[in-house]
Amino acid sequence: MEKVDSSKIPAKISSFKSPFVPEFLGKQEFLTGLFLGLQDQKSFDEPINIGKSLVFKMDFESIPITKRDGKILREIEILSPHSNTLSVNFSLIELSKSAELFIINDEESYILGPIISEDVTRVRNFDPGFIPGDKIRILLIENENEGSISKVEISNIGHIIYDFFWCKQIRSIKNCRN
C-alpha cells in the first residue's frame, strides 16, 4: 500500500449509485466497548482489539461489466461508517494473467495495487492489508480477450477504529501521513 498522487489513481467507473454497507449488528455497543478497551490498555505487549470483521459476501461475477479500450472493468464501493481504517478479506482470488486489482480509499490518496496474480500469496483468505478511511472502491481490470476470467470473492470487511495512518488527526492538511 502506498500513498500516491490522485492523478495516478484509476478513474471511477462504478455502475452502482450508492456504496455497499456491510451489516454491523450491535455496532454502537461494540464500538463503545472497543473505545473503553483502548483507554484501559496498559501496555503494548498486551493483545489489543482494534476492530471487527464484518461479514460481506460479494462475488465479482455479479458485478456489472464496463468495457473500455479492450479492457473489462468491474468495480464496487464499500462504506463502513465511522471506520478509520478498512481491510478486505478475499475468500477466493484467482487473477487472470492480465488482471490488475486495485483497492482505493475514498479520498484517492492511498492505493493497494495493482495486485497481480504473482502478488497473491494464497488463493483462499487473502488479505492484502489496511487502507485508511471508511469508504473504499475495489476495481478489477483485465483484458477483454483474456482466455479465462478472474475469480474474485470477498468474504469480510475489517472495520478498524484505530487510525494507522493518522488521517483523522490531520484531515485539515488534506493528505495523510506517508
C-alpha atoms as a PDB file:
ATOM      1  CA  MET A   1       0.000   0.000   0.000  1.00  0.00           C
ATOM      2  CA  GLU A   2       1.335   3.362  -0.846  1.00  0.00           C
ATOM      3  CA  LYS A   3       0.345   6.975  -0.836  1.00  0.00           C
ATOM      4  CA  VAL A   4       0.036   8.280  -4.378  1.00  0.00           C
ATOM      5  CA  ASP A   5      -0.806  11.382  -6.326  1.00  0.00           C
ATOM      6  CA  SER A   6      -4.532  11.204  -7.130  1.00  0.00           C
ATOM      7  CA  SER A   7      -3.773  11.644 -10.839  1.00  0.00           C
ATOM      8  CA  LYS A   8      -2.258   8.127 -10.809  1.00  0.00           C
ATOM      9  CA  ILE A   9      -5.453   6.526  -9.478  1.00  0.00           C
ATOM     10  CA  PRO A  10      -7.736   4.793 -11.996  1.00  0.00           C
ATOM     11  CA  ALA A  11     -10.938   6.745 -12.679  1.00  0.00           C
ATOM     12  CA  LYS A  12     -14.204   5.636 -11.087  1.00  0.00           C
ATOM     13  CA  ILE A  13     -16.430   3.504 -13.279  1.00  0.00           C
ATOM     14  CA  SER A  14     -18.886   2.152 -10.711  1.00  0.00           C
ATOM     15  CA  SER A  15     -22.332   1.428 -12.094  1.00  0.00           C
ATOM     16  CA  PHE A  16     -23.830   1.326  -8.583  1.00  0.00           C
ATOM     17  CA  LYS A  17     -25.482   4.533  -7.387  1.00  0.00           C
ATOM     18  CA  SER A  18     -24.503   4.051  -3.740  1.00  0.00           C
ATOM     19  CA  PRO A  19     -21.839   2.069  -1.899  1.00  0.00           C
ATOM     20  CA  PHE A  20     -22.476  -1.285  -0.264  1.00  0.00           C
ATOM     21  CA  VAL A  21     -22.597  -1.116   3.544  1.00  0.00           C
ATOM     22  CA  PRO A  22     -21.747  -4.302   5.478  1.00  0.00           C
ATOM     23  CA  GLU A  23     -24.224  -5.161   8.222  1.00  0.00           C
ATOM     24  CA  PHE A  24     -22.915  -4.286  11.682  1.00  0.00           C
ATOM     25  CA  LEU A  25     -25.327  -5.591  14.336  1.00  0.00           C
ATOM     26  CA  GLY A  26     -24.899  -4.046  17.798  1.00  0.00           C
ATOM     27  CA  LYS A  27     -22.491  -1.504  16.338  1.00  0.00           C
ATOM     28  CA  GLN A  28     -22.790   1.224  18.963  1.00  0.00           C
ATOM     29  CA  GLU A  29     -22.329  -1.149  21.909  1.00  0.00           C
ATOM     30  CA  PHE A  30     -19.404  -2.879  20.210  1.00  0.00           C
ATOM     31  CA  LEU A  31     -17.632   0.396  19.347  1.00  0.00           C
ATOM     32  CA  THR A  32     -18.171   1.721  22.865  1.00  0.00           C
ATOM     33  CA  GLY A  33     -16.549  -1.448  24.205  1.00  0.00           C
ATOM     34  CA  LEU A  34     -13.603  -1.066  21.818  1.00  0.00           C
ATOM     35  CA  PHE A  35     -13.000   2.551  22.821  1.00  0.00           C
ATOM     36  CA  LEU A  36     -13.195   1.668  26.534  1.00  0.00           C
ATOM     37  CA  GLY A  37     -10.788  -1.218  25.960  1.00  0.00           C
ATOM     38  CA  LEU A  38      -8.307   1.089  24.233  1.00  0.00           C
ATOM     39  CA  GLN A  39      -8.491   3.547  27.140  1.00  0.00           C
ATOM     40  CA  ASP A  40      -7.788   0.748  29.627  1.00  0.00           C
ATOM     41  CA  GLN A  41      -4.825  -0.580  27.649  1.00  0.00           C
ATOM     42  CA  LYS A  42      -1.795  -0.584  29.943  1.00  0.00           C
ATOM     43  CA  SER A  43       0.905  -1.960  27.665  1.00  0.00           C
ATOM     44  CA  PHE A  44       1.613  -2.503  24.003  1.00  0.00           C
ATOM     45  CA  ASP A  45       2.738  -6.012  24.954  1.00  0.00           C
ATOM     46  CA  GLU A  46      -0.884  -6.971  25.658  1.00  0.00           C
ATOM     47  CA  PRO A  47      -3.175  -8.014  22.787  1.00  0.00           C
ATOM     48  CA  ILE A  48      -5.426  -5.167  21.711  1.00  0.00           C
ATOM     49  CA  ASN A  49      -8.798  -5.293  19.977  1.00  0.00           C
ATOM     50  CA  ILE A  50      -8.953  -2.558  17.334  1.00  0.00           C
ATOM     51  CA  GLY A  51     -11.866  -3.554  15.137  1.00  0.00           C
ATOM     52  CA  LYS A  52     -14.379  -6.068  13.922  1.00  0.00           C
ATOM     53  CA  SER A  53     -14.511  -8.335  10.907  1.00  0.00           C
ATOM     54  CA  LEU A  54     -17.857  -7.759   9.193  1.00  0.00           C
ATOM     55  CA  VAL A  55     -19.386 -10.467   7.028  1.00  0.00           C
ATOM     56  CA  PHE A  56     -19.676  -9.158   3.481  1.00  0.00           C
ATOM     57  CA  LYS A  57     -20.222 -11.637   0.652  1.00  0.00           C
ATOM     58  CA  MET A  58     -19.584 -10.383  -2.873  1.00  0.00           C
ATOM     59  CA  ASP A  59     -18.740 -12.412  -5.953  1.00  0.00           C
ATOM     60  CA  PHE A  60     -17.234 -10.218  -8.684  1.00  0.00           C
ATOM     61  CA  GLU A  61     -19.106 -12.242 -11.336  1.00  0.00           C
ATOM     62  CA  SER A  62     -22.267 -10.497 -10.073  1.00  0.00           C
ATOM     63  CA  ILE A  63     -20.802  -7.020 -10.696  1.00  0.00           C
ATOM     64  CA  PRO A  64     -21.775  -5.369 -13.991  1.00  0.00           C
ATOM     65  CA  ILE A  65     -19.014  -5.177 -16.604  1.00  0.00           C
ATOM     66  CA  THR A  66     -17.793  -1.966 -18.209  1.00  0.00           C
ATOM     67  CA  LYS A  67     -15.766  -2.319 -21.399  1.00  0.00           C
ATOM     68  CA  ARG A  68     -13.226   0.331 -22.299  1.00  0.00           C
ATOM     69  CA  ASP A  69     -10.254   0.290 -24.680  1.00  0.00           C
ATOM     70  CA  GLY A  70     -10.083  -3.524 -24.902  1.00  0.00           C
ATOM     71  CA  LYS A  71     -10.373  -3.918 -21.120  1.00  0.00           C
ATOM     72  CA  ILE A  72     -13.108  -5.344 -18.900  1.00  0.00           C
ATOM     73  CA  LEU A  73     -13.638  -3.395 -15.679  1.00  0.00           C
ATOM     74  CA  ARG A  74     -15.657  -4.358 -12.600  1.00  0.00           C
ATOM     75  CA  GLU A  75     -15.913  -2.032  -9.624  1.00  0.00           C
ATOM     76  CA  ILE A  76     -17.744  -1.732  -6.315  1.00  0.00           C
ATOM     77  CA  GLU A  77     -17.652   0.763  -3.474  1.00  0.00           C
ATOM     78  CA  ILE A  78     -17.894  -0.287   0.172  1.00  0.00           C
ATOM     79  CA  LEU A  79     -18.700   2.030   3.083  1.00  0.00           C
ATOM     80  CA  SER A  80     -18.273   1.182   6.755  1.00  0.00           C
ATOM     81  CA  PRO A  81     -19.275   4.423   8.509  1.00  0.00           C
ATOM     82  CA  HIS A  82     -17.004   5.708  11.292  1.00  0.00           C
ATOM     83  CA  SER A  83     -14.141   3.372  10.470  1.00  0.00           C
ATOM     84  CA  ASN A  84     -10.676   4.926  10.409  1.00  0.00           C
ATOM     85  CA  THR A  85      -9.063   2.065   8.512  1.00  0.00           C
ATOM     86  CA  LEU A  86     -10.507  -0.754   6.395  1.00  0.00           C
ATOM     87  CA  SER A  87      -9.287  -4.152   5.290  1.00  0.00           C
ATOM     88  CA  VAL A  88     -10.681  -6.630   2.776  1.00  0.00           C
ATOM     89  CA  ASN A  89     -10.557 -10.409   3.029  1.00  0.00           C
ATOM     90  CA  PHE A  90     -10.906 -12.292  -0.244  1.00  0.00           C
ATOM     91  CA  SER A  91     -12.337 -15.760   0.365  1.00  0.00           C
ATOM     92  CA  LEU A  92     -11.224 -16.607  -3.198  1.00  0.00           C
ATOM     93  CA  ILE A  93      -8.870 -14.752  -5.510  1.00  0.00           C
ATOM     94  CA  GLU A  94      -7.616 -16.255  -8.752  1.00  0.00           C
ATOM     95  CA  LEU A  95      -6.456 -13.466 -11.027  1.00  0.00           C
ATOM     96  CA  SER A  96      -6.018 -13.956 -14.764  1.00  0.00           C
ATOM     97  CA  LYS A  97      -2.623 -13.217 -16.346  1.00  0.00           C
ATOM     98  CA  SER A  98      -3.723  -9.726 -17.424  1.00  0.00           C
ATOM     99  CA  ALA A  99      -5.710  -8.857 -14.285  1.00  0.00           C
ATOM    100  CA  GLU A 100      -4.941  -5.924 -12.031  1.00  0.00           C
ATOM    101  CA  LEU A 101      -6.868  -5.418  -8.797  1.00  0.00           C
ATOM    102  CA  PHE A 102      -6.891  -2.046  -7.027  1.00  0.00           C
ATOM    103  CA  ILE A 103      -8.227  -1.082  -3.594  1.00  0.00           C
ATOM    104  CA  ILE A 104      -8.517   2.691  -3.374  1.00  0.00           C
ATOM    105  CA  ASN A 105      -9.538   4.876  -0.438  1.00  0.00           C
ATOM    106  CA  ASP A 106     -12.328   7.402  -0.956  1.00  0.00           C
ATOM    107  CA  GLU A 107     -10.012  10.409  -0.832  1.00  0.00           C
ATOM    108  CA  GLU A 108      -7.946   8.801  -3.601  1.00  0.00           C
ATOM    109  CA  SER A 109      -4.712   9.330  -1.731  1.00  0.00           C
ATOM    110  CA  TYR A 110      -3.862   5.699  -0.928  1.00  0.00           C
ATOM    111  CA  ILE A 111      -3.948   2.600  -3.111  1.00  0.00           C
ATOM    112  CA  LEU A 112      -3.341  -1.101  -2.626  1.00  0.00           C
ATOM    113  CA  GLY A 113      -2.269  -2.288  -6.037  1.00  0.00           C
ATOM    114  CA  PRO A 114      -2.078  -3.041  -8.711  1.00  0.00           C
ATOM    115  CA  ILE A 115      -2.322  -6.511  -7.234  1.00  0.00           C
ATOM    116  CA  ILE A 116      -1.465  -9.069  -9.923  1.00  0.00           C
ATOM    117  CA  SER A 117      -1.570 -12.862  -9.880  1.00  0.00           C
ATOM    118  CA  GLU A 118       2.064 -13.086  -8.733  1.00  0.00           C
ATOM    119  CA  ASP A 119       1.231 -10.955  -5.660  1.00  0.00           C
ATOM    120  CA  VAL A 120      -1.460 -13.311  -4.400  1.00  0.00           C
ATOM    121  CA  THR A 121       0.251 -15.394  -1.731  1.00  0.00           C
ATOM    122  CA  ARG A 122      -2.744 -17.680  -1.241  1.00  0.00           C
ATOM    123  CA  VAL A 123      -5.891 -18.282  -3.241  1.00  0.00           C
ATOM    124  CA  ARG A 124      -8.167 -18.595  -0.177  1.00  0.00           C
ATOM    125  CA  ASN A 125      -8.464 -15.993   2.610  1.00  0.00           C
ATOM    126  CA  PHE A 126      -6.135 -13.457   1.031  1.00  0.00           C
ATOM    127  CA  ASP A 127      -5.843 -10.135   2.876  1.00  0.00           C
ATOM    128  CA  PRO A 128      -3.725  -7.514   1.068  1.00  0.00           C
ATOM    129  CA  GLY A 129      -3.531  -5.122   4.053  1.00  0.00           C
ATOM    130  CA  PHE A 130      -5.051  -1.967   5.528  1.00  0.00           C
ATOM    131  CA  ILE A 131      -6.170   1.225   3.823  1.00  0.00           C
ATOM    132  CA  PRO A 132      -7.235   4.481   5.531  1.00  0.00           C
ATOM    133  CA  GLY A 133     -10.806   5.737   5.608  1.00  0.00           C
ATOM    134  CA  ASP A 134     -14.327   4.436   5.918  1.00  0.00           C
ATOM    135  CA  LYS A 135     -15.084   4.103   2.199  1.00  0.00           C
ATOM    136  CA  ILE A 136     -13.148   2.214  -0.467  1.00  0.00           C
ATOM    137  CA  ARG A 137     -13.606   1.115  -4.022  1.00  0.00           C
ATOM    138  CA  ILE A 138     -12.334  -2.138  -5.415  1.00  0.00           C
ATOM    139  CA  LEU A 139     -11.545  -2.171  -9.120  1.00  0.00           C
ATOM    140  CA  LEU A 140     -10.707  -5.240 -11.224  1.00  0.00           C
ATOM    141  CA  ILE A 141      -9.275  -4.635 -14.708  1.00  0.00           C
ATOM    142  CA  GLU A 142      -8.399  -7.365 -17.209  1.00  0.00           C
ATOM    143  CA  ASN A 143      -8.008  -7.763 -20.954  1.00  0.00           C
ATOM    144  CA  GLU A 144     -11.231  -8.290 -22.878  1.00  0.00           C
ATOM    145  CA  ASN A 145      -9.652 -11.133 -24.871  1.00  0.00           C
ATOM    146  CA  GLU A 146      -8.332 -12.952 -21.774  1.00  0.00           C
ATOM    147  CA  GLY A 147      -8.830 -16.719 -22.110  1.00  0.00           C
ATOM    148  CA  SER A 148     -10.059 -17.193 -18.557  1.00  0.00           C
ATOM    149  CA  ILE A 149     -11.576 -14.501 -16.385  1.00  0.00           C
ATOM    150  CA  SER A 150     -10.551 -13.822 -12.802  1.00  0.00           C
ATOM    151  CA  LYS A 151     -12.421 -15.357  -9.886  1.00  0.00           C
ATOM    152  CA  VAL A 152     -12.705 -12.886  -7.033  1.00  0.00           C
ATOM    153  CA  GLU A 153     -14.942 -13.261  -3.973  1.00  0.00           C
ATOM    154  CA  ILE A 154     -14.972 -11.080  -0.867  1.00  0.00           C
ATOM    155  CA  SER A 155     -15.977 -12.618   2.456  1.00  0.00           C
ATOM    156  CA  ASN A 156     -15.228  -9.938   5.061  1.00  0.00           C
ATOM    157  CA  ILE A 157     -14.535  -6.250   5.539  1.00  0.00           C
ATOM    158  CA  GLY A 158     -12.446  -5.219   8.531  1.00  0.00           C
ATOM    159  CA  HIS A 159     -13.937  -2.191  10.339  1.00  0.00           C
ATOM    160  CA  ILE A 160     -10.964  -0.822  12.275  1.00  0.00           C
ATOM    161  CA  ILE A 161     -11.257   2.077  14.685  1.00  0.00           C
ATOM    162  CA  TYR A 162      -7.525   2.613  15.076  1.00  0.00           C
ATOM    163  CA  ASP A 163      -6.235   5.248  12.651  1.00  0.00           C
ATOM    164  CA  PHE A 164      -2.970   3.640  11.458  1.00  0.00           C
ATOM    165  CA  PHE A 165      -2.393   6.461   9.002  1.00  0.00           C
ATOM    166  CA  TRP A 166      -3.148   9.434  11.317  1.00  0.00           C
ATOM    167  CA  CYS A 167      -5.643  10.708   8.759  1.00  0.00           C
ATOM    168  CA  LYS A 168      -8.320  11.987  11.150  1.00  0.00           C
ATOM    169  CA  GLN A 169      -5.816  13.953  13.222  1.00  0.00           C
ATOM    170  CA  ILE A 170      -4.507  15.890  10.219  1.00  0.00           C
ATOM    171  CA  ARG A 171      -7.569  15.913   7.962  1.00  0.00           C
ATOM    172  CA  SER A 172      -7.282  19.698   7.579  1.00  0.00           C
ATOM    173  CA  ILE A 173      -3.861  19.284   5.976  1.00  0.00           C
ATOM    174  CA  LYS A 174      -5.665  17.270   3.250  1.00  0.00           C
ATOM    175  CA  ASN A 175      -3.225  14.382   2.920  1.00  0.00           C
ATOM    176  CA  CYS A 176      -2.429  11.630   5.367  1.00  0.00           C
ATOM    177  CA  ARG A 177       0.961  10.737   6.741  1.00  0.00           C
ATOM    178  CA  ASN A 178       3.452   8.912   4.497  1.00  0.00           C
END
